[in-house]
Amino acid sequence: MVCNRCKMVVKSTLEKIDLHPVQVELGEIELQENDISSVKRELQKALQHLGFDLLDSKKTQTIEKVKNLITNLVQHKNNQIQVTLSEYLSKELAQDYSALSNLFSEVEGTTIEKYYILQKIEKVKELLVYDELTLSEIAFQLNYSSVSYLSNQFKKVTGLTPSHFKRFRTIKRNSLDSL
Protein backbone atom coordinates (compact mmCIF):
# COMPACT_ATOMS: atom_id res chain seq x y z
CA MET A 1 0.00 0.00 0.00
CA VAL A 2 1.49 3.33 -0.94
CA CYS A 3 -1.26 5.86 -0.28
CA ASN A 4 -4.16 6.77 1.98
CA ARG A 5 -6.70 5.60 -0.61
CA CYS A 6 -5.05 2.19 -0.58
CA LYS A 7 -5.38 2.06 3.21
CA MET A 8 -9.08 2.99 2.99
CA VAL A 9 -9.76 0.32 0.35
CA VAL A 10 -7.97 -2.35 2.38
CA LYS A 11 -9.82 -1.34 5.56
CA SER A 12 -13.14 -1.52 3.73
CA THR A 13 -12.25 -4.93 2.29
CA LEU A 14 -11.35 -6.24 5.75
CA GLU A 15 -14.67 -5.03 7.13
CA LYS A 16 -16.58 -6.67 4.26
CA ILE A 17 -15.25 -10.07 5.32
CA ASP A 18 -16.13 -9.40 8.97
CA LEU A 19 -12.66 -8.57 10.22
CA HIS A 20 -12.15 -5.67 12.59
CA PRO A 21 -9.09 -3.57 11.74
CA VAL A 22 -7.61 -1.64 14.64
CA GLN A 23 -5.04 0.04 12.46
CA VAL A 24 -4.23 -0.05 8.75
CA GLU A 25 -0.83 1.36 7.81
CA LEU A 26 1.43 1.09 4.80
CA GLY A 27 2.31 -2.59 4.64
CA GLU A 28 0.82 -3.46 8.03
CA ILE A 29 -2.61 -4.30 9.37
CA GLU A 30 -3.49 -4.76 13.01
CA LEU A 31 -6.70 -6.68 13.64
CA GLN A 32 -8.80 -7.24 16.75
CA GLU A 33 -8.93 -10.91 15.83
CA ASN A 34 -6.05 -13.10 17.00
CA ASP A 35 -6.75 -15.96 14.61
CA ILE A 36 -7.69 -15.32 10.99
CA SER A 37 -7.00 -18.82 9.71
CA SER A 38 -10.69 -19.40 8.93
CA VAL A 39 -10.85 -16.37 6.58
CA LYS A 40 -7.23 -16.28 5.43
CA ARG A 41 -7.95 -17.71 1.98
CA GLU A 42 -10.87 -15.28 1.47
CA LEU A 43 -8.72 -12.38 2.66
CA GLN A 44 -5.90 -13.38 0.31
CA LYS A 45 -8.30 -13.51 -2.67
CA ALA A 46 -9.89 -10.16 -1.79
CA LEU A 47 -6.51 -8.46 -1.46
CA GLN A 48 -5.15 -10.01 -4.66
CA HIS A 49 -8.26 -8.83 -6.51
CA LEU A 50 -7.26 -5.29 -5.44
CA GLY A 51 -3.63 -5.80 -6.49
CA PHE A 52 -2.26 -6.43 -2.98
CA ASP A 53 -0.63 -9.48 -1.43
CA LEU A 54 -0.87 -10.93 2.03
CA LEU A 55 2.66 -11.05 3.37
CA ASP A 56 3.14 -14.05 5.61
CA SER A 57 6.86 -14.57 5.80
CA LYS A 58 9.17 -12.52 7.97
CA LYS A 59 11.37 -11.88 4.91
CA THR A 60 8.62 -10.30 2.82
CA GLN A 61 7.40 -8.29 5.80
CA THR A 62 10.90 -6.92 6.39
CA ILE A 63 11.33 -6.05 2.69
CA GLU A 64 7.97 -4.26 2.71
CA LYS A 65 8.97 -2.30 5.82
CA VAL A 66 12.22 -1.20 4.13
CA LYS A 67 10.30 -0.10 1.03
CA ASN A 68 7.71 1.77 3.10
CA LEU A 69 10.37 3.57 5.15
CA ILE A 70 12.16 4.67 1.98
CA THR A 71 8.96 5.75 0.25
CA ASN A 72 7.84 7.68 3.31
CA LEU A 73 11.27 9.27 3.62
CA VAL A 74 11.34 10.46 0.02
CA GLN A 75 7.67 11.40 -0.32
CA HIS A 76 6.86 12.90 3.05
CA LYS A 77 9.95 13.79 5.00
CA ASN A 78 11.62 15.61 2.11
CA ASN A 79 14.62 13.45 2.70
CA GLN A 80 15.76 15.52 5.68
CA ILE A 81 17.38 12.89 7.86
CA GLN A 82 20.41 13.63 9.96
CA VAL A 83 22.00 10.20 9.46
CA THR A 84 22.84 7.99 6.50
CA LEU A 85 20.18 5.83 4.91
CA SER A 86 21.80 2.71 6.34
CA GLU A 87 21.78 4.15 9.88
CA TYR A 88 18.18 5.31 9.45
CA LEU A 89 16.94 1.89 8.31
CA SER A 90 18.95 0.04 10.96
CA LYS A 91 17.56 2.23 13.70
CA GLU A 92 13.94 2.16 12.47
CA LEU A 93 13.91 -1.62 11.99
CA ALA A 94 16.27 -2.46 14.87
CA GLN A 95 18.32 -4.69 12.57
CA ASP A 96 21.84 -4.76 11.23
CA TYR A 97 22.03 -2.93 7.90
CA SER A 98 24.21 -5.52 6.18
CA ALA A 99 21.60 -8.20 6.98
CA LEU A 100 18.83 -5.92 5.68
CA SER A 101 20.86 -5.14 2.56
CA ASN A 102 21.61 -8.81 1.83
CA LEU A 103 17.98 -9.81 2.35
CA PHE A 104 16.71 -6.97 0.17
CA SER A 105 19.13 -7.81 -2.65
CA GLU A 106 18.32 -11.51 -2.43
CA VAL A 107 14.55 -11.00 -2.59
CA GLU A 108 14.28 -7.92 -4.84
CA GLY A 109 17.22 -8.48 -7.17
CA THR A 110 18.46 -4.92 -6.59
CA THR A 111 20.15 -3.04 -3.79
CA ILE A 112 18.50 -0.83 -1.21
CA GLU A 113 20.54 2.08 -2.55
CA LYS A 114 19.30 1.56 -6.12
CA TYR A 115 15.72 1.32 -4.88
CA TYR A 116 16.24 4.55 -2.91
CA ILE A 117 17.63 6.29 -6.01
CA LEU A 118 14.64 5.14 -8.10
CA GLN A 119 12.28 6.56 -5.48
CA LYS A 120 14.15 9.87 -5.46
CA ILE A 121 14.15 10.10 -9.26
CA GLU A 122 10.38 9.50 -9.34
CA LYS A 123 10.01 12.34 -6.83
CA VAL A 124 12.19 14.55 -9.04
CA LYS A 125 9.97 13.71 -12.03
CA GLU A 126 6.89 14.63 -10.01
CA LEU A 127 8.38 17.95 -8.95
CA LEU A 128 9.52 18.72 -12.51
CA VAL A 129 6.02 18.06 -13.83
CA TYR A 130 4.48 20.33 -11.18
CA ASP A 131 6.90 23.04 -12.38
CA GLU A 132 6.80 24.91 -9.07
CA LEU A 133 10.45 24.50 -8.06
CA THR A 134 13.72 25.15 -9.83
CA LEU A 135 16.14 22.28 -10.28
CA SER A 136 18.30 23.84 -7.55
CA GLU A 137 15.36 23.84 -5.14
CA ILE A 138 14.54 20.24 -6.04
CA ALA A 139 18.16 19.22 -5.46
CA PHE A 140 18.13 20.94 -2.07
CA GLN A 141 14.74 19.47 -1.09
CA LEU A 142 15.88 15.94 -1.91
CA ASN A 143 19.22 16.40 -0.19
CA TYR A 144 21.42 16.16 -3.29
CA SER A 145 24.88 17.64 -2.86
CA SER A 146 24.57 19.60 -6.10
CA VAL A 147 22.39 20.18 -9.14
CA SER A 148 24.96 18.50 -11.36
CA TYR A 149 24.91 15.36 -9.19
CA LEU A 150 21.11 15.28 -9.40
CA SER A 151 21.24 15.83 -13.18
CA ASN A 152 23.81 13.06 -13.68
CA GLN A 153 21.84 10.61 -11.57
CA PHE A 154 18.59 11.58 -13.33
CA LYS A 155 20.16 11.00 -16.75
CA LYS A 156 21.68 7.70 -15.68
CA VAL A 157 18.26 6.41 -14.56
CA THR A 158 15.96 7.93 -17.21
CA GLY A 159 18.26 8.47 -20.17
CA LEU A 160 17.21 12.13 -20.26
CA THR A 161 18.42 15.29 -18.64
CA PRO A 162 15.93 16.96 -16.29
CA SER A 163 15.42 19.78 -18.80
CA HIS A 164 14.62 17.29 -21.60
CA PHE A 165 12.23 15.47 -19.30
CA LYS A 166 10.52 18.74 -18.44
CA ARG A 167 10.08 19.57 -22.14
CA PHE A 168 8.59 16.16 -22.89
CA ARG A 169 6.04 15.94 -20.10
CA THR A 170 4.14 13.29 -21.99
CA ILE A 171 6.66 10.70 -20.75
CA LYS A 172 4.83 8.70 -18.14
CA ARG A 173 6.02 8.44 -14.61
CA ASN A 174 6.25 5.06 -12.87
CA SER A 175 3.88 4.22 -10.04
CA LEU A 176 5.79 3.93 -6.78
CA ASP A 177 4.68 0.39 -6.12
CA SER A 178 6.15 -0.77 -9.43
CA LEU A 179 9.70 0.33 -8.58
C-alpha atoms as a PDB file:
ATOM      1  CA  MET A   1       0.000   0.000   0.000  1.00  0.00           C
ATOM      2  CA  VAL A   2       1.492   3.330  -0.943  1.00  0.00           C
ATOM      3  CA  CYS A   3      -1.263   5.863  -0.284  1.00  0.00           C
ATOM      4  CA  ASN A   4      -4.163   6.769   1.976  1.00  0.00           C
ATOM      5  CA  ARG A   5      -6.705   5.602  -0.606  1.00  0.00           C
ATOM      6  CA  CYS A   6      -5.045   2.188  -0.577  1.00  0.00           C
ATOM      7  CA  LYS A   7      -5.380   2.061   3.206  1.00  0.00           C
ATOM      8  CA  MET A   8      -9.076   2.985   2.991  1.00  0.00           C
ATOM      9  CA  VAL A   9      -9.761   0.322   0.352  1.00  0.00           C
ATOM     10  CA  VAL A  10      -7.974  -2.351   2.376  1.00  0.00           C
ATOM     11  CA  LYS A  11      -9.823  -1.344   5.563  1.00  0.00           C
ATOM     12  CA  SER A  12     -13.141  -1.517   3.727  1.00  0.00           C
ATOM     13  CA  THR A  13     -12.246  -4.932   2.294  1.00  0.00           C
ATOM     14  CA  LEU A  14     -11.354  -6.244   5.751  1.00  0.00           C
ATOM     15  CA  GLU A  15     -14.668  -5.026   7.131  1.00  0.00           C
ATOM     16  CA  LYS A  16     -16.585  -6.670   4.263  1.00  0.00           C
ATOM     17  CA  ILE A  17     -15.254 -10.065   5.317  1.00  0.00           C
ATOM     18  CA  ASP A  18     -16.129  -9.400   8.973  1.00  0.00           C
ATOM     19  CA  LEU A  19     -12.656  -8.568  10.216  1.00  0.00           C
ATOM     20  CA  HIS A  20     -12.151  -5.675  12.590  1.00  0.00           C
ATOM     21  CA  PRO A  21      -9.093  -3.572  11.738  1.00  0.00           C
ATOM     22  CA  VAL A  22      -7.614  -1.636  14.645  1.00  0.00           C
ATOM     23  CA  GLN A  23      -5.035   0.041  12.459  1.00  0.00           C
ATOM     24  CA  VAL A  24      -4.225  -0.046   8.747  1.00  0.00           C
ATOM     25  CA  GLU A  25      -0.829   1.363   7.809  1.00  0.00           C
ATOM     26  CA  LEU A  26       1.428   1.095   4.804  1.00  0.00           C
ATOM     27  CA  GLY A  27       2.314  -2.589   4.637  1.00  0.00           C
ATOM     28  CA  GLU A  28       0.818  -3.458   8.033  1.00  0.00           C
ATOM     29  CA  ILE A  29      -2.606  -4.296   9.368  1.00  0.00           C
ATOM     30  CA  GLU A  30      -3.494  -4.760  13.013  1.00  0.00           C
ATOM     31  CA  LEU A  31      -6.698  -6.679  13.638  1.00  0.00           C
ATOM     32  CA  GLN A  32      -8.795  -7.236  16.752  1.00  0.00           C
ATOM     33  CA  GLU A  33      -8.929 -10.910  15.827  1.00  0.00           C
ATOM     34  CA  ASN A  34      -6.052 -13.103  16.999  1.00  0.00           C
ATOM     35  CA  ASP A  35      -6.755 -15.964  14.614  1.00  0.00           C
ATOM     36  CA  ILE A  36      -7.693 -15.318  10.991  1.00  0.00           C
ATOM     37  CA  SER A  37      -6.999 -18.818   9.711  1.00  0.00           C
ATOM     38  CA  SER A  38     -10.693 -19.404   8.934  1.00  0.00           C
ATOM     39  CA  VAL A  39     -10.846 -16.374   6.578  1.00  0.00           C
ATOM     40  CA  LYS A  40      -7.225 -16.276   5.428  1.00  0.00           C
ATOM     41  CA  ARG A  41      -7.955 -17.705   1.979  1.00  0.00           C
ATOM     42  CA  GLU A  42     -10.871 -15.281   1.470  1.00  0.00           C
ATOM     43  CA  LEU A  43      -8.718 -12.385   2.660  1.00  0.00           C
ATOM     44  CA  GLN A  44      -5.902 -13.380   0.310  1.00  0.00           C
ATOM     45  CA  LYS A  45      -8.303 -13.508  -2.668  1.00  0.00           C
ATOM     46  CA  ALA A  46      -9.892 -10.164  -1.789  1.00  0.00           C
ATOM     47  CA  LEU A  47      -6.506  -8.460  -1.456  1.00  0.00           C
ATOM     48  CA  GLN A  48      -5.150 -10.013  -4.657  1.00  0.00           C
ATOM     49  CA  HIS A  49      -8.264  -8.827  -6.505  1.00  0.00           C
ATOM     50  CA  LEU A  50      -7.261  -5.286  -5.443  1.00  0.00           C
ATOM     51  CA  GLY A  51      -3.635  -5.799  -6.493  1.00  0.00           C
ATOM     52  CA  PHE A  52      -2.264  -6.433  -2.982  1.00  0.00           C
ATOM     53  CA  ASP A  53      -0.633  -9.480  -1.429  1.00  0.00           C
ATOM     54  CA  LEU A  54      -0.870 -10.926   2.030  1.00  0.00           C
ATOM     55  CA  LEU A  55       2.658 -11.049   3.375  1.00  0.00           C
ATOM     56  CA  ASP A  56       3.138 -14.048   5.609  1.00  0.00           C
ATOM     57  CA  SER A  57       6.861 -14.573   5.795  1.00  0.00           C
ATOM     58  CA  LYS A  58       9.168 -12.516   7.970  1.00  0.00           C
ATOM     59  CA  LYS A  59      11.368 -11.876   4.915  1.00  0.00           C
ATOM     60  CA  THR A  60       8.624 -10.297   2.825  1.00  0.00           C
ATOM     61  CA  GLN A  61       7.403  -8.288   5.801  1.00  0.00           C
ATOM     62  CA  THR A  62      10.901  -6.918   6.388  1.00  0.00           C
ATOM     63  CA  ILE A  63      11.331  -6.052   2.693  1.00  0.00           C
ATOM     64  CA  GLU A  64       7.968  -4.263   2.714  1.00  0.00           C
ATOM     65  CA  LYS A  65       8.972  -2.299   5.819  1.00  0.00           C
ATOM     66  CA  VAL A  66      12.217  -1.203   4.128  1.00  0.00           C
ATOM     67  CA  LYS A  67      10.301  -0.095   1.030  1.00  0.00           C
ATOM     68  CA  ASN A  68       7.713   1.766   3.100  1.00  0.00           C
ATOM     69  CA  LEU A  69      10.367   3.571   5.148  1.00  0.00           C
ATOM     70  CA  ILE A  70      12.163   4.668   1.979  1.00  0.00           C
ATOM     71  CA  THR A  71       8.957   5.751   0.251  1.00  0.00           C
ATOM     72  CA  ASN A  72       7.844   7.684   3.314  1.00  0.00           C
ATOM     73  CA  LEU A  73      11.269   9.268   3.623  1.00  0.00           C
ATOM     74  CA  VAL A  74      11.339  10.461   0.024  1.00  0.00           C
ATOM     75  CA  GLN A  75       7.666  11.399  -0.324  1.00  0.00           C
ATOM     76  CA  HIS A  76       6.856  12.903   3.046  1.00  0.00           C
ATOM     77  CA  LYS A  77       9.952  13.794   5.000  1.00  0.00           C
ATOM     78  CA  ASN A  78      11.617  15.610   2.106  1.00  0.00           C
ATOM     79  CA  ASN A  79      14.624  13.450   2.702  1.00  0.00           C
ATOM     80  CA  GLN A  80      15.761  15.521   5.680  1.00  0.00           C
ATOM     81  CA  ILE A  81      17.380  12.890   7.864  1.00  0.00           C
ATOM     82  CA  GLN A  82      20.412  13.631   9.964  1.00  0.00           C
ATOM     83  CA  VAL A  83      22.004  10.196   9.458  1.00  0.00           C
ATOM     84  CA  THR A  84      22.841   7.993   6.503  1.00  0.00           C
ATOM     85  CA  LEU A  85      20.176   5.831   4.910  1.00  0.00           C
ATOM     86  CA  SER A  86      21.802   2.708   6.340  1.00  0.00           C
ATOM     87  CA  GLU A  87      21.781   4.146   9.879  1.00  0.00           C
ATOM     88  CA  TYR A  88      18.178   5.308   9.452  1.00  0.00           C
ATOM     89  CA  LEU A  89      16.940   1.893   8.307  1.00  0.00           C
ATOM     90  CA  SER A  90      18.946   0.036  10.959  1.00  0.00           C
ATOM     91  CA  LYS A  91      17.556   2.234  13.696  1.00  0.00           C
ATOM     92  CA  GLU A  92      13.940   2.157  12.466  1.00  0.00           C
ATOM     93  CA  LEU A  93      13.912  -1.622  11.989  1.00  0.00           C
ATOM     94  CA  ALA A  94      16.274  -2.464  14.873  1.00  0.00           C
ATOM     95  CA  GLN A  95      18.318  -4.687  12.567  1.00  0.00           C
ATOM     96  CA  ASP A  96      21.843  -4.760  11.231  1.00  0.00           C
ATOM     97  CA  TYR A  97      22.032  -2.930   7.902  1.00  0.00           C
ATOM     98  CA  SER A  98      24.211  -5.520   6.179  1.00  0.00           C
ATOM     99  CA  ALA A  99      21.604  -8.201   6.984  1.00  0.00           C
ATOM    100  CA  LEU A 100      18.827  -5.921   5.676  1.00  0.00           C
ATOM    101  CA  SER A 101      20.855  -5.143   2.559  1.00  0.00           C
ATOM    102  CA  ASN A 102      21.610  -8.806   1.832  1.00  0.00           C
ATOM    103  CA  LEU A 103      17.978  -9.811   2.350  1.00  0.00           C
ATOM    104  CA  PHE A 104      16.707  -6.967   0.168  1.00  0.00           C
ATOM    105  CA  SER A 105      19.131  -7.809  -2.651  1.00  0.00           C
ATOM    106  CA  GLU A 106      18.324 -11.510  -2.434  1.00  0.00           C
ATOM    107  CA  VAL A 107      14.551 -11.001  -2.592  1.00  0.00           C
ATOM    108  CA  GLU A 108      14.276  -7.922  -4.838  1.00  0.00           C
ATOM    109  CA  GLY A 109      17.219  -8.477  -7.168  1.00  0.00           C
ATOM    110  CA  THR A 110      18.462  -4.923  -6.587  1.00  0.00           C
ATOM    111  CA  THR A 111      20.153  -3.040  -3.794  1.00  0.00           C
ATOM    112  CA  ILE A 112      18.501  -0.835  -1.207  1.00  0.00           C
ATOM    113  CA  GLU A 113      20.536   2.082  -2.547  1.00  0.00           C
ATOM    114  CA  LYS A 114      19.297   1.561  -6.120  1.00  0.00           C
ATOM    115  CA  TYR A 115      15.724   1.320  -4.877  1.00  0.00           C
ATOM    116  CA  TYR A 116      16.238   4.548  -2.914  1.00  0.00           C
ATOM    117  CA  ILE A 117      17.627   6.291  -6.007  1.00  0.00           C
ATOM    118  CA  LEU A 118      14.644   5.144  -8.100  1.00  0.00           C
ATOM    119  CA  GLN A 119      12.285   6.562  -5.485  1.00  0.00           C
ATOM    120  CA  LYS A 120      14.149   9.874  -5.464  1.00  0.00           C
ATOM    121  CA  ILE A 121      14.153  10.096  -9.264  1.00  0.00           C
ATOM    122  CA  GLU A 122      10.379   9.501  -9.336  1.00  0.00           C
ATOM    123  CA  LYS A 123      10.008  12.345  -6.829  1.00  0.00           C
ATOM    124  CA  VAL A 124      12.191  14.546  -9.045  1.00  0.00           C
ATOM    125  CA  LYS A 125       9.968  13.713 -12.031  1.00  0.00           C
ATOM    126  CA  GLU A 126       6.890  14.625 -10.012  1.00  0.00           C
ATOM    127  CA  LEU A 127       8.381  17.953  -8.949  1.00  0.00           C
ATOM    128  CA  LEU A 128       9.517  18.715 -12.509  1.00  0.00           C
ATOM    129  CA  VAL A 129       6.017  18.059 -13.830  1.00  0.00           C
ATOM    130  CA  TYR A 130       4.483  20.332 -11.182  1.00  0.00           C
ATOM    131  CA  ASP A 131       6.895  23.036 -12.383  1.00  0.00           C
ATOM    132  CA  GLU A 132       6.800  24.913  -9.068  1.00  0.00           C
ATOM    133  CA  LEU A 133      10.450  24.502  -8.057  1.00  0.00           C
ATOM    134  CA  THR A 134      13.716  25.145  -9.834  1.00  0.00           C
ATOM    135  CA  LEU A 135      16.137  22.279 -10.277  1.00  0.00           C
ATOM    136  CA  SER A 136      18.299  23.838  -7.548  1.00  0.00           C
ATOM    137  CA  GLU A 137      15.357  23.842  -5.141  1.00  0.00           C
ATOM    138  CA  ILE A 138      14.542  20.240  -6.040  1.00  0.00           C
ATOM    139  CA  ALA A 139      18.159  19.217  -5.458  1.00  0.00           C
ATOM    140  CA  PHE A 140      18.130  20.944  -2.066  1.00  0.00           C
ATOM    141  CA  GLN A 141      14.744  19.475  -1.094  1.00  0.00           C
ATOM    142  CA  LEU A 142      15.879  15.944  -1.909  1.00  0.00           C
ATOM    143  CA  ASN A 143      19.219  16.400  -0.195  1.00  0.00           C
ATOM    144  CA  TYR A 144      21.419  16.165  -3.290  1.00  0.00           C
ATOM    145  CA  SER A 145      24.883  17.643  -2.859  1.00  0.00           C
ATOM    146  CA  SER A 146      24.573  19.597  -6.100  1.00  0.00           C
ATOM    147  CA  VAL A 147      22.385  20.180  -9.144  1.00  0.00           C
ATOM    148  CA  SER A 148      24.958  18.497 -11.362  1.00  0.00           C
ATOM    149  CA  TYR A 149      24.914  15.359  -9.189  1.00  0.00           C
ATOM    150  CA  LEU A 150      21.112  15.276  -9.403  1.00  0.00           C
ATOM    151  CA  SER A 151      21.237  15.828 -13.178  1.00  0.00           C
ATOM    152  CA  ASN A 152      23.812  13.061 -13.681  1.00  0.00           C
ATOM    153  CA  GLN A 153      21.838  10.607 -11.574  1.00  0.00           C
ATOM    154  CA  PHE A 154      18.591  11.575 -13.329  1.00  0.00           C
ATOM    155  CA  LYS A 155      20.157  11.002 -16.750  1.00  0.00           C
ATOM    156  CA  LYS A 156      21.678   7.696 -15.683  1.00  0.00           C
ATOM    157  CA  VAL A 157      18.263   6.413 -14.563  1.00  0.00           C
ATOM    158  CA  THR A 158      15.959   7.933 -17.206  1.00  0.00           C
ATOM    159  CA  GLY A 159      18.261   8.468 -20.172  1.00  0.00           C
ATOM    160  CA  LEU A 160      17.210  12.133 -20.263  1.00  0.00           C
ATOM    161  CA  THR A 161      18.415  15.294 -18.638  1.00  0.00           C
ATOM    162  CA  PRO A 162      15.929  16.958 -16.290  1.00  0.00           C
ATOM    163  CA  SER A 163      15.417  19.785 -18.799  1.00  0.00           C
ATOM    164  CA  HIS A 164      14.623  17.286 -21.597  1.00  0.00           C
ATOM    165  CA  PHE A 165      12.227  15.474 -19.299  1.00  0.00           C
ATOM    166  CA  LYS A 166      10.523  18.741 -18.438  1.00  0.00           C
ATOM    167  CA  ARG A 167      10.083  19.571 -22.137  1.00  0.00           C
ATOM    168  CA  PHE A 168       8.594  16.162 -22.893  1.00  0.00           C
ATOM    169  CA  ARG A 169       6.038  15.937 -20.096  1.00  0.00           C
ATOM    170  CA  THR A 170       4.142  13.289 -21.992  1.00  0.00           C
ATOM    171  CA  ILE A 171       6.662  10.705 -20.754  1.00  0.00           C
ATOM    172  CA  LYS A 172       4.827   8.704 -18.145  1.00  0.00           C
ATOM    173  CA  ARG A 173       6.017   8.437 -14.612  1.00  0.00           C
ATOM    174  CA  ASN A 174       6.245   5.065 -12.874  1.00  0.00           C
ATOM    175  CA  SER A 175       3.883   4.216 -10.039  1.00  0.00           C
ATOM    176  CA  LEU A 176       5.792   3.930  -6.783  1.00  0.00           C
ATOM    177  CA  ASP A 177       4.676   0.387  -6.122  1.00  0.00           C
ATOM    178  CA  SER A 178       6.153  -0.769  -9.428  1.00  0.00           C
ATOM    179  CA  LEU A 179       9.697   0.325  -8.580  1.00  0.00           C
END
